[in-house]
Amino acid sequence: MKILRPSSAEIKHLKVLLFGDSGSGKTYTAASAGSEDFPVAILETEANGMLSIQASNPHAFVVHATSIADVEDFIRDIKSPDGELRGKHGVQAVVIDSLTEIQRLVKEDIVGNSQASLQHWLLITERMRRLIRAIRDLDLHVVCTCLAATKYDSDQVKHVVPCFEGQKLHIEAPQYFSAVGYVYREQVEGDTKNYIVHRVMFNGPSTYMCKVVMPLKAVENTNVRGWIERCTSYDPTKAEKTEKTEVASDPIKKPTNRRRRSA
């Protein structure tokens, strides 16, 4: 039995879930987890994601998956230190883009073109749990993406959550990650023209399913490699103590024009 004090615990590998609307910049952000000297392997389930990867990190190693068998082959290879991605290419981080599409591949594998029954959904959910757990347990930095969805509670209050079919995964999936961020676009005002920038909210209104890990801020720029460096070198004994936790405002409701901030 290994006993640790909280002050001595360290983040060896960062596990992040990024969710947002289509076009919000999820793939671009996730691909920034690596660089030429910090190789990243990306499991890409959507062909149009390649353009975002090229713009963010042209040095990434990309595996395109069209079936759940492709996904499982990728996980088996990346799990092994002697596999092609880690043994040959020295991959240190992995991106799964996206869990929403992977669930569709799981459903297709189990149900085919038939209508999914309750029993089918139990099998789909359990298989997704196993896949997400296997991804979480990789001894690498992990960034997963998925679409955002809206759910309404009994008081008809709208909640923004990761997009999964079924009743449970959108609640359960975040527990497998150390940080959960909502990705969105923001229009900011420059000196001569306006710009669209991408942001990631880790700590916002209670209606957004987010989770922050120190030393990440409530809202971050899209530099995952920087997040990894800050989190893995964070020393809680040297951190400034405060009773207040920064909470971002609703990115959908706040004003769209803002002065441009440094990236």
C-alpha atoms as a PDB file:
ATOM      1  CA  MET A   1       0.000   0.000   0.000  1.00  0.00           C
ATOM      2  CA  LYS A   2       1.426   3.349  -1.094  1.00  0.00           C
ATOM      3  CA  ILE A   3       0.456   6.386   0.996  1.00  0.00           C
ATOM      4  CA  LEU A   4       0.939   9.881  -0.406  1.00  0.00           C
ATOM      5  CA  ARG A   5       0.512  13.334   1.023  1.00  0.00           C
ATOM      6  CA  PRO A   6      -1.430  15.742  -1.238  1.00  0.00           C
ATOM      7  CA  SER A   7       1.509  18.147  -1.270  1.00  0.00           C
ATOM      8  CA  SER A   8       3.809  15.446  -2.663  1.00  0.00           C
ATOM      9  CA  ALA A   9       1.437  14.166  -5.344  1.00  0.00           C
ATOM     10  CA  GLU A  10       2.281  15.172  -8.881  1.00  0.00           C
ATOM     11  CA  ILE A  11       0.512  15.085 -12.227  1.00  0.00           C
ATOM     12  CA  LYS A  12       2.553  12.670 -14.288  1.00  0.00           C
ATOM     13  CA  HIS A  13       0.200  12.658 -17.257  1.00  0.00           C
ATOM     14  CA  LEU A  14      -2.553  15.160 -18.020  1.00  0.00           C
ATOM     15  CA  LYS A  15      -5.909  13.714 -19.143  1.00  0.00           C
ATOM     16  CA  VAL A  16      -8.183  16.285 -20.804  1.00  0.00           C
ATOM     17  CA  LEU A  17     -11.643  16.137 -22.369  1.00  0.00           C
ATOM     18  CA  LEU A  18     -12.497  18.997 -24.736  1.00  0.00           C
ATOM     19  CA  PHE A  19     -16.088  19.431 -25.896  1.00  0.00           C
ATOM     20  CA  GLY A  20     -17.749  22.077 -28.024  1.00  0.00           C
ATOM     21  CA  ASP A  21     -19.844  22.808 -31.078  1.00  0.00           C
ATOM     22  CA  SER A  22     -18.741  21.909 -34.575  1.00  0.00           C
ATOM     23  CA  GLY A  23     -16.245  24.535 -35.765  1.00  0.00           C
ATOM     24  CA  SER A  24     -15.337  25.695 -32.261  1.00  0.00           C
ATOM     25  CA  GLY A  25     -11.712  24.575 -32.655  1.00  0.00           C
ATOM     26  CA  LYS A  26     -11.637  21.267 -30.754  1.00  0.00           C
ATOM     27  CA  THR A  27      -9.398  19.410 -33.212  1.00  0.00           C
ATOM     28  CA  TYR A  28      -7.069  22.381 -33.696  1.00  0.00           C
ATOM     29  CA  THR A  29      -6.724  22.768 -29.942  1.00  0.00           C
ATOM     30  CA  ALA A  30      -6.210  19.069 -29.237  1.00  0.00           C
ATOM     31  CA  ALA A  31      -3.506  18.759 -31.914  1.00  0.00           C
ATOM     32  CA  SER A  32      -1.484  21.443 -30.121  1.00  0.00           C
ATOM     33  CA  ALA A  33      -0.689  18.841 -27.436  1.00  0.00           C
ATOM     34  CA  GLY A  34       2.418  17.945 -29.447  1.00  0.00           C
ATOM     35  CA  SER A  35       5.162  19.498 -31.530  1.00  0.00           C
ATOM     36  CA  GLU A  36       8.178  18.405 -33.557  1.00  0.00           C
ATOM     37  CA  ASP A  37      10.190  17.690 -30.387  1.00  0.00           C
ATOM     38  CA  PHE A  38       7.173  16.356 -28.419  1.00  0.00           C
ATOM     39  CA  PRO A  39       5.504  13.831 -30.769  1.00  0.00           C
ATOM     40  CA  VAL A  40       1.756  13.315 -30.603  1.00  0.00           C
ATOM     41  CA  ALA A  41      -0.345  10.541 -32.154  1.00  0.00           C
ATOM     42  CA  ILE A  42      -3.846  11.495 -33.255  1.00  0.00           C
ATOM     43  CA  LEU A  43      -6.666   9.032 -33.821  1.00  0.00           C
ATOM     44  CA  GLU A  44      -8.858  10.884 -36.300  1.00  0.00           C
ATOM     45  CA  THR A  45     -12.367   9.601 -37.013  1.00  0.00           C
ATOM     46  CA  GLU A  46     -13.418  12.396 -39.374  1.00  0.00           C
ATOM     47  CA  ALA A  47     -11.558  13.041 -42.614  1.00  0.00           C
ATOM     48  CA  ASN A  48     -12.189  16.802 -42.538  1.00  0.00           C
ATOM     49  CA  GLY A  49     -10.268  17.044 -39.284  1.00  0.00           C
ATOM     50  CA  MET A  50      -6.991  16.678 -41.177  1.00  0.00           C
ATOM     51  CA  LEU A  51      -7.051  20.334 -42.263  1.00  0.00           C
ATOM     52  CA  SER A  52      -7.258  21.493 -38.644  1.00  0.00           C
ATOM     53  CA  ILE A  53      -4.434  19.142 -37.660  1.00  0.00           C
ATOM     54  CA  GLN A  54      -2.222  20.423 -40.486  1.00  0.00           C
ATOM     55  CA  ALA A  55      -2.800  24.013 -39.368  1.00  0.00           C
ATOM     56  CA  SER A  56      -2.155  23.260 -35.689  1.00  0.00           C
ATOM     57  CA  ASN A  57       0.587  20.624 -35.748  1.00  0.00           C
ATOM     58  CA  PRO A  58       1.956  19.380 -39.095  1.00  0.00           C
ATOM     59  CA  HIS A  59       4.393  17.109 -37.216  1.00  0.00           C
ATOM     60  CA  ALA A  60       1.643  14.921 -35.727  1.00  0.00           C
ATOM     61  CA  PHE A  61       1.302  11.221 -36.506  1.00  0.00           C
ATOM     62  CA  VAL A  62      -2.277  10.651 -37.664  1.00  0.00           C
ATOM     63  CA  VAL A  63      -4.175   7.362 -37.807  1.00  0.00           C
ATOM     64  CA  HIS A  64      -7.538   7.521 -39.564  1.00  0.00           C
ATOM     65  CA  ALA A  65     -10.221   5.230 -38.103  1.00  0.00           C
ATOM     66  CA  THR A  66     -13.321   4.167 -40.016  1.00  0.00           C
ATOM     67  CA  SER A  67     -14.366   1.266 -37.762  1.00  0.00           C
ATOM     68  CA  ILE A  68     -14.226   0.323 -34.107  1.00  0.00           C
ATOM     69  CA  ALA A  69     -11.600  -2.286 -35.048  1.00  0.00           C
ATOM     70  CA  ASP A  70      -9.336   0.578 -36.195  1.00  0.00           C
ATOM     71  CA  VAL A  71      -9.881   2.306 -32.841  1.00  0.00           C
ATOM     72  CA  GLU A  72      -9.014  -0.820 -30.866  1.00  0.00           C
ATOM     73  CA  ASP A  73      -5.908  -1.448 -33.013  1.00  0.00           C
ATOM     74  CA  PHE A  74      -4.744   2.093 -32.308  1.00  0.00           C
ATOM     75  CA  ILE A  75      -5.239   1.697 -28.544  1.00  0.00           C
ATOM     76  CA  ARG A  76      -3.366  -1.617 -28.522  1.00  0.00           C
ATOM     77  CA  ASP A  77      -0.427  -0.083 -30.384  1.00  0.00           C
ATOM     78  CA  ILE A  78      -0.225   3.121 -28.356  1.00  0.00           C
ATOM     79  CA  LYS A  79      -0.539   1.145 -25.117  1.00  0.00           C
ATOM     80  CA  SER A  80       2.700  -0.727 -25.815  1.00  0.00           C
ATOM     81  CA  PRO A  81       6.045   1.083 -25.278  1.00  0.00           C
ATOM     82  CA  ASP A  82       7.376  -1.174 -28.056  1.00  0.00           C
ATOM     83  CA  GLY A  83       4.546  -0.403 -30.475  1.00  0.00           C
ATOM     84  CA  GLU A  84       5.123   1.495 -33.701  1.00  0.00           C
ATOM     85  CA  LEU A  85       3.870   4.845 -32.427  1.00  0.00           C
ATOM     86  CA  ARG A  86       5.881   4.876 -29.189  1.00  0.00           C
ATOM     87  CA  GLY A  87       8.760   2.539 -29.987  1.00  0.00           C
ATOM     88  CA  LYS A  88       9.489   3.881 -33.470  1.00  0.00           C
ATOM     89  CA  HIS A  89       8.206   7.462 -33.351  1.00  0.00           C
ATOM     90  CA  GLY A  90       8.627   8.300 -29.649  1.00  0.00           C
ATOM     91  CA  VAL A  91       5.055   9.508 -29.164  1.00  0.00           C
ATOM     92  CA  GLN A  92       4.509  11.206 -25.788  1.00  0.00           C
ATOM     93  CA  ALA A  93       0.896  12.344 -26.109  1.00  0.00           C
ATOM     94  CA  VAL A  94      -2.235  10.957 -27.712  1.00  0.00           C
ATOM     95  CA  VAL A  95      -5.329  12.682 -29.104  1.00  0.00           C
ATOM     96  CA  ILE A  96      -8.664  10.911 -29.649  1.00  0.00           C
ATOM     97  CA  ASP A  97     -10.840  12.886 -32.060  1.00  0.00           C
ATOM     98  CA  SER A  98     -13.637  12.257 -31.302  1.00  0.00           C
ATOM     99  CA  LEU A  99     -15.449  10.213 -28.642  1.00  0.00           C
ATOM    100  CA  THR A 100     -18.809  11.218 -30.111  1.00  0.00           C
ATOM    101  CA  GLU A 101     -17.931   9.573 -33.410  1.00  0.00           C
ATOM    102  CA  ILE A 102     -16.358   6.570 -31.676  1.00  0.00           C
ATOM    103  CA  GLN A 103     -19.660   5.918 -29.919  1.00  0.00           C
ATOM    104  CA  ARG A 104     -21.337   5.888 -33.327  1.00  0.00           C
ATOM    105  CA  LEU A 105     -18.777   3.329 -34.527  1.00  0.00           C
ATOM    106  CA  VAL A 106     -19.485   1.191 -31.440  1.00  0.00           C
ATOM    107  CA  LYS A 107     -23.221   1.431 -32.093  1.00  0.00           C
ATOM    108  CA  GLU A 108     -22.727   0.490 -35.743  1.00  0.00           C
ATOM    109  CA  ASP A 109     -20.620  -2.518 -34.731  1.00  0.00           C
ATOM    110  CA  ILE A 110     -23.213  -3.781 -32.251  1.00  0.00           C
ATOM    111  CA  VAL A 111     -26.471  -2.866 -33.974  1.00  0.00           C
ATOM    112  CA  GLY A 112     -25.602  -2.456 -37.651  1.00  0.00           C
ATOM    113  CA  ASN A 113     -28.487  -0.844 -39.489  1.00  0.00           C
ATOM    114  CA  SER A 114     -31.096  -2.132 -37.040  1.00  0.00           C
ATOM    115  CA  GLN A 115     -32.994  -0.139 -34.442  1.00  0.00           C
ATOM    116  CA  ALA A 116     -31.139  -0.146 -31.114  1.00  0.00           C
ATOM    117  CA  SER A 117     -33.027  -1.830 -28.290  1.00  0.00           C
ATOM    118  CA  LEU A 118     -32.589  -1.203 -24.573  1.00  0.00           C
ATOM    119  CA  GLN A 119     -30.295  -4.221 -24.398  1.00  0.00           C
ATOM    120  CA  HIS A 120     -28.244  -2.825 -27.264  1.00  0.00           C
ATOM    121  CA  TRP A 121     -27.836   0.489 -25.436  1.00  0.00           C
ATOM    122  CA  LEU A 122     -26.621  -1.298 -22.319  1.00  0.00           C
ATOM    123  CA  LEU A 123     -23.969  -3.029 -24.423  1.00  0.00           C
ATOM    124  CA  ILE A 124     -23.022   0.203 -26.230  1.00  0.00           C
ATOM    125  CA  THR A 125     -22.655   2.127 -22.965  1.00  0.00           C
ATOM    126  CA  GLU A 126     -20.582  -0.570 -21.289  1.00  0.00           C
ATOM    127  CA  ARG A 127     -18.277  -0.917 -24.288  1.00  0.00           C
ATOM    128  CA  MET A 128     -17.768   2.855 -24.349  1.00  0.00           C
ATOM    129  CA  ARG A 129     -16.950   2.814 -20.637  1.00  0.00           C
ATOM    130  CA  ARG A 130     -14.263   0.209 -21.249  1.00  0.00           C
ATOM    131  CA  LEU A 131     -12.812   2.171 -24.167  1.00  0.00           C
ATOM    132  CA  ILE A 132     -12.715   5.473 -22.273  1.00  0.00           C
ATOM    133  CA  ARG A 133     -11.193   3.744 -19.254  1.00  0.00           C
ATOM    134  CA  ALA A 134      -8.510   2.139 -21.467  1.00  0.00           C
ATOM    135  CA  ILE A 135      -7.747   5.545 -22.994  1.00  0.00           C
ATOM    136  CA  ARG A 136      -7.626   7.136 -19.530  1.00  0.00           C
ATOM    137  CA  ASP A 137      -5.205   4.474 -18.279  1.00  0.00           C
ATOM    138  CA  LEU A 138      -2.604   5.081 -21.002  1.00  0.00           C
ATOM    139  CA  ASP A 139       0.712   6.171 -19.467  1.00  0.00           C
ATOM    140  CA  LEU A 140       0.797   9.159 -21.806  1.00  0.00           C
ATOM    141  CA  HIS A 141      -0.746  12.614 -21.913  1.00  0.00           C
ATOM    142  CA  VAL A 142      -4.265  12.202 -23.323  1.00  0.00           C
ATOM    143  CA  VAL A 143      -6.604  14.693 -24.983  1.00  0.00           C
ATOM    144  CA  CYS A 144     -10.051  13.551 -26.131  1.00  0.00           C
ATOM    145  CA  THR A 145     -12.645  15.593 -27.987  1.00  0.00           C
ATOM    146  CA  CYS A 146     -16.383  15.323 -28.403  1.00  0.00           C
ATOM    147  CA  LEU A 147     -19.263  17.460 -29.530  1.00  0.00           C
ATOM    148  CA  ALA A 148     -21.381  19.511 -27.130  1.00  0.00           C
ATOM    149  CA  ALA A 149     -25.056  18.867 -26.470  1.00  0.00           C
ATOM    150  CA  THR A 150     -27.777  20.606 -24.485  1.00  0.00           C
ATOM    151  CA  LYS A 151     -29.822  18.839 -21.836  1.00  0.00           C
ATOM    152  CA  TYR A 152     -32.716  20.213 -19.790  1.00  0.00           C
ATOM    153  CA  ASP A 153     -33.301  19.401 -16.132  1.00  0.00           C
ATOM    154  CA  SER A 154     -36.651  19.058 -14.372  1.00  0.00           C
ATOM    155  CA  ASP A 155     -36.873  22.857 -14.045  1.00  0.00           C
ATOM    156  CA  GLN A 156     -36.229  23.275 -17.787  1.00  0.00           C
ATOM    157  CA  VAL A 157     -32.802  24.821 -17.158  1.00  0.00           C
ATOM    158  CA  LYS A 158     -30.464  24.246 -20.087  1.00  0.00           C
ATOM    159  CA  HIS A 159     -27.151  22.484 -19.399  1.00  0.00           C
ATOM    160  CA  VAL A 160     -24.253  22.226 -21.867  1.00  0.00           C
ATOM    161  CA  VAL A 161     -22.621  18.803 -21.667  1.00  0.00           C
ATOM    162  CA  PRO A 162     -20.438  16.427 -23.714  1.00  0.00           C
ATOM    163  CA  CYS A 163     -22.451  14.823 -26.504  1.00  0.00           C
ATOM    164  CA  PHE A 164     -23.146  11.112 -26.124  1.00  0.00           C
ATOM    165  CA  GLU A 165     -26.223   9.137 -27.060  1.00  0.00           C
ATOM    166  CA  GLY A 166     -28.048   7.520 -24.166  1.00  0.00           C
ATOM    167  CA  GLN A 167     -28.806   8.642 -20.643  1.00  0.00           C
ATOM    168  CA  LYS A 168     -25.559   8.126 -18.720  1.00  0.00           C
ATOM    169  CA  LEU A 169     -22.337   8.707 -20.638  1.00  0.00           C
ATOM    170  CA  HIS A 170     -22.544  12.498 -20.697  1.00  0.00           C
ATOM    171  CA  ILE A 171     -22.537  12.357 -16.880  1.00  0.00           C
ATOM    172  CA  GLU A 172     -20.049   9.512 -16.440  1.00  0.00           C
ATOM    173  CA  ALA A 173     -17.412  10.315 -19.078  1.00  0.00           C
ATOM    174  CA  PRO A 174     -15.972  13.446 -17.354  1.00  0.00           C
ATOM    175  CA  GLN A 175     -14.987  11.420 -14.278  1.00  0.00           C
ATOM    176  CA  TYR A 176     -12.252   9.703 -16.326  1.00  0.00           C
ATOM    177  CA  PHE A 177     -10.446  12.999 -16.985  1.00  0.00           C
ATOM    178  CA  SER A 178      -8.452  15.330 -14.770  1.00  0.00           C
ATOM    179  CA  ALA A 179      -9.740  18.383 -16.688  1.00  0.00           C
ATOM    180  CA  VAL A 180     -12.839  19.004 -18.817  1.00  0.00           C
ATOM    181  CA  GLY A 181     -12.998  22.126 -20.980  1.00  0.00           C
ATOM    182  CA  TYR A 182     -15.671  23.748 -23.124  1.00  0.00           C
ATOM    183  CA  VAL A 183     -14.194  25.048 -26.403  1.00  0.00           C
ATOM    184  CA  TYR A 184     -15.750  28.117 -27.986  1.00  0.00           C
ATOM    185  CA  ARG A 185     -15.029  30.958 -30.394  1.00  0.00           C
ATOM    186  CA  GLU A 186     -14.765  34.556 -29.255  1.00  0.00           C
ATOM    187  CA  GLN A 187     -14.772  37.719 -31.341  1.00  0.00           C
ATOM    188  CA  VAL A 188     -12.225  40.244 -30.090  1.00  0.00           C
ATOM    189  CA  GLU A 189     -11.474  43.774 -31.236  1.00  0.00           C
ATOM    190  CA  GLY A 190      -8.048  44.552 -32.702  1.00  0.00           C
ATOM    191  CA  ASP A 191      -6.486  47.886 -33.638  1.00  0.00           C
ATOM    192  CA  THR A 192      -7.666  47.791 -37.249  1.00  0.00           C
ATOM    193  CA  LYS A 193     -10.044  44.828 -37.469  1.00  0.00           C
ATOM    194  CA  ASN A 194     -11.842  42.211 -35.394  1.00  0.00           C
ATOM    195  CA  TYR A 195     -10.541  38.700 -34.833  1.00  0.00           C
ATOM    196  CA  ILE A 196     -12.011  35.322 -34.006  1.00  0.00           C
ATOM    197  CA  VAL A 197     -10.005  33.485 -31.351  1.00  0.00           C
ATOM    198  CA  HIS A 198     -10.594  30.135 -29.716  1.00  0.00           C
ATOM    199  CA  ARG A 199     -10.864  29.740 -25.944  1.00  0.00           C
ATOM    200  CA  VAL A 200     -11.268  26.827 -23.549  1.00  0.00           C
ATOM    201  CA  MET A 201     -13.371  27.266 -20.405  1.00  0.00           C
ATOM    202  CA  PHE A 202     -12.412  24.962 -17.523  1.00  0.00           C
ATOM    203  CA  ASN A 203     -14.373  26.668 -14.763  1.00  0.00           C
ATOM    204  CA  GLY A 204     -17.598  28.409 -15.667  1.00  0.00           C
ATOM    205  CA  PRO A 205     -21.295  28.578 -14.814  1.00  0.00           C
ATOM    206  CA  SER A 206     -22.824  25.519 -13.169  1.00  0.00           C
ATOM    207  CA  THR A 207     -24.809  24.904 -16.350  1.00  0.00           C
ATOM    208  CA  TYR A 208     -21.585  23.892 -18.155  1.00  0.00           C
ATOM    209  CA  MET A 209     -20.035  20.531 -17.353  1.00  0.00           C
ATOM    210  CA  CYS A 210     -16.456  21.696 -16.807  1.00  0.00           C
ATOM    211  CA  LYS A 211     -13.646  20.598 -14.518  1.00  0.00           C
ATOM    212  CA  VAL A 212     -10.468  22.541 -13.763  1.00  0.00           C
ATOM    213  CA  VAL A 213      -7.152  21.235 -12.475  1.00  0.00           C
ATOM    214  CA  MET A 214      -4.453  23.441 -10.961  1.00  0.00           C
ATOM    215  CA  PRO A 215      -2.717  25.472 -12.224  1.00  0.00           C
ATOM    216  CA  LEU A 216      -5.047  25.905 -15.214  1.00  0.00           C
ATOM    217  CA  LYS A 217      -7.158  29.064 -15.213  1.00  0.00           C
ATOM    218  CA  ALA A 218     -10.902  29.381 -15.643  1.00  0.00           C
ATOM    219  CA  VAL A 219     -10.347  30.268 -19.319  1.00  0.00           C
ATOM    220  CA  GLU A 220      -7.264  29.226 -21.275  1.00  0.00           C
ATOM    221  CA  ASN A 221      -5.864  29.876 -24.720  1.00  0.00           C
ATOM    222  CA  THR A 222      -5.524  26.928 -27.073  1.00  0.00           C
ATOM    223  CA  ASN A 223      -2.026  25.765 -26.188  1.00  0.00           C
ATOM    224  CA  VAL A 224      -2.304  22.226 -24.827  1.00  0.00           C
ATOM    225  CA  ARG A 225       1.465  21.698 -24.825  1.00  0.00           C
ATOM    226  CA  GLY A 226       1.694  24.694 -22.487  1.00  0.00           C
ATOM    227  CA  TRP A 227      -1.004  23.221 -20.232  1.00  0.00           C
ATOM    228  CA  ILE A 228       0.955  19.972 -19.996  1.00  0.00           C
ATOM    229  CA  GLU A 229       4.172  21.750 -19.041  1.00  0.00           C
ATOM    230  CA  ARG A 230       2.459  23.871 -16.397  1.00  0.00           C
ATOM    231  CA  CYS A 231       0.484  21.017 -14.843  1.00  0.00           C
ATOM    232  CA  THR A 232       3.363  18.540 -14.699  1.00  0.00           C
ATOM    233  CA  SER A 233       5.707  21.119 -13.121  1.00  0.00           C
ATOM    234  CA  TYR A 234       3.132  22.538 -10.688  1.00  0.00           C
ATOM    235  CA  ASP A 235       4.227  22.583  -7.037  1.00  0.00           C
ATOM    236  CA  PRO A 236       1.208  23.051  -4.712  1.00  0.00           C
ATOM    237  CA  THR A 237       3.466  23.942  -1.786  1.00  0.00           C
ATOM    238  CA  LYS A 238       4.615  27.070  -3.632  1.00  0.00           C
ATOM    239  CA  ALA A 239       1.216  28.089  -4.952  1.00  0.00           C
ATOM    240  CA  GLU A 240      -0.404  31.279  -3.761  1.00  0.00           C
ATOM    241  CA  LYS A 241      -3.219  30.526  -1.321  1.00  0.00           C
ATOM    242  CA  THR A 242      -6.598  32.095  -2.025  1.00  0.00           C
ATOM    243  CA  GLU A 243     -10.141  31.513  -0.827  1.00  0.00           C
ATOM    244  CA  LYS A 244     -11.663  32.641  -4.114  1.00  0.00           C
ATOM    245  CA  THR A 245     -11.886  30.515  -7.241  1.00  0.00           C
ATOM    246  CA  GLU A 246     -12.076  32.278 -10.582  1.00  0.00           C
ATOM    247  CA  VAL A 247     -15.256  31.463 -12.498  1.00  0.00           C
ATOM    248  CA  ALA A 248     -15.704  32.479 -16.127  1.00  0.00           C
ATOM    249  CA  SER A 249     -18.879  34.088 -17.385  1.00  0.00           C
ATOM    250  CA  ASP A 250     -21.181  32.322 -19.829  1.00  0.00           C
ATOM    251  CA  PRO A 251     -19.350  32.387 -23.198  1.00  0.00           C
ATOM    252  CA  ILE A 252     -22.646  32.382 -25.085  1.00  0.00           C
ATOM    253  CA  LYS A 253     -24.213  35.299 -23.223  1.00  0.00           C
ATOM    254  CA  LYS A 254     -21.207  37.584 -22.693  1.00  0.00           C
ATOM    255  CA  PRO A 255     -20.461  40.489 -25.112  1.00  0.00           C
ATOM    256  CA  THR A 256     -18.795  39.386 -28.354  1.00  0.00           C
ATOM    257  CA  ASN A 257     -16.494  42.370 -28.965  1.00  0.00           C
ATOM    258  CA  ARG A 258     -13.463  42.487 -26.678  1.00  0.00           C
ATOM    259  CA  ARG A 259     -10.002  43.927 -26.929  1.00  0.00           C
ATOM    260  CA  ARG A 260      -7.534  41.384 -28.261  1.00  0.00           C
ATOM    261  CA  ARG A 261      -5.509  39.591 -25.593  1.00  0.00           C
ATOM    262  CA  SER A 262      -2.083  38.080 -26.055  1.00  0.00           C
ATOM    263  CA  ALA A 263      -2.081  34.406 -27.010  1.00  0.00           C
END
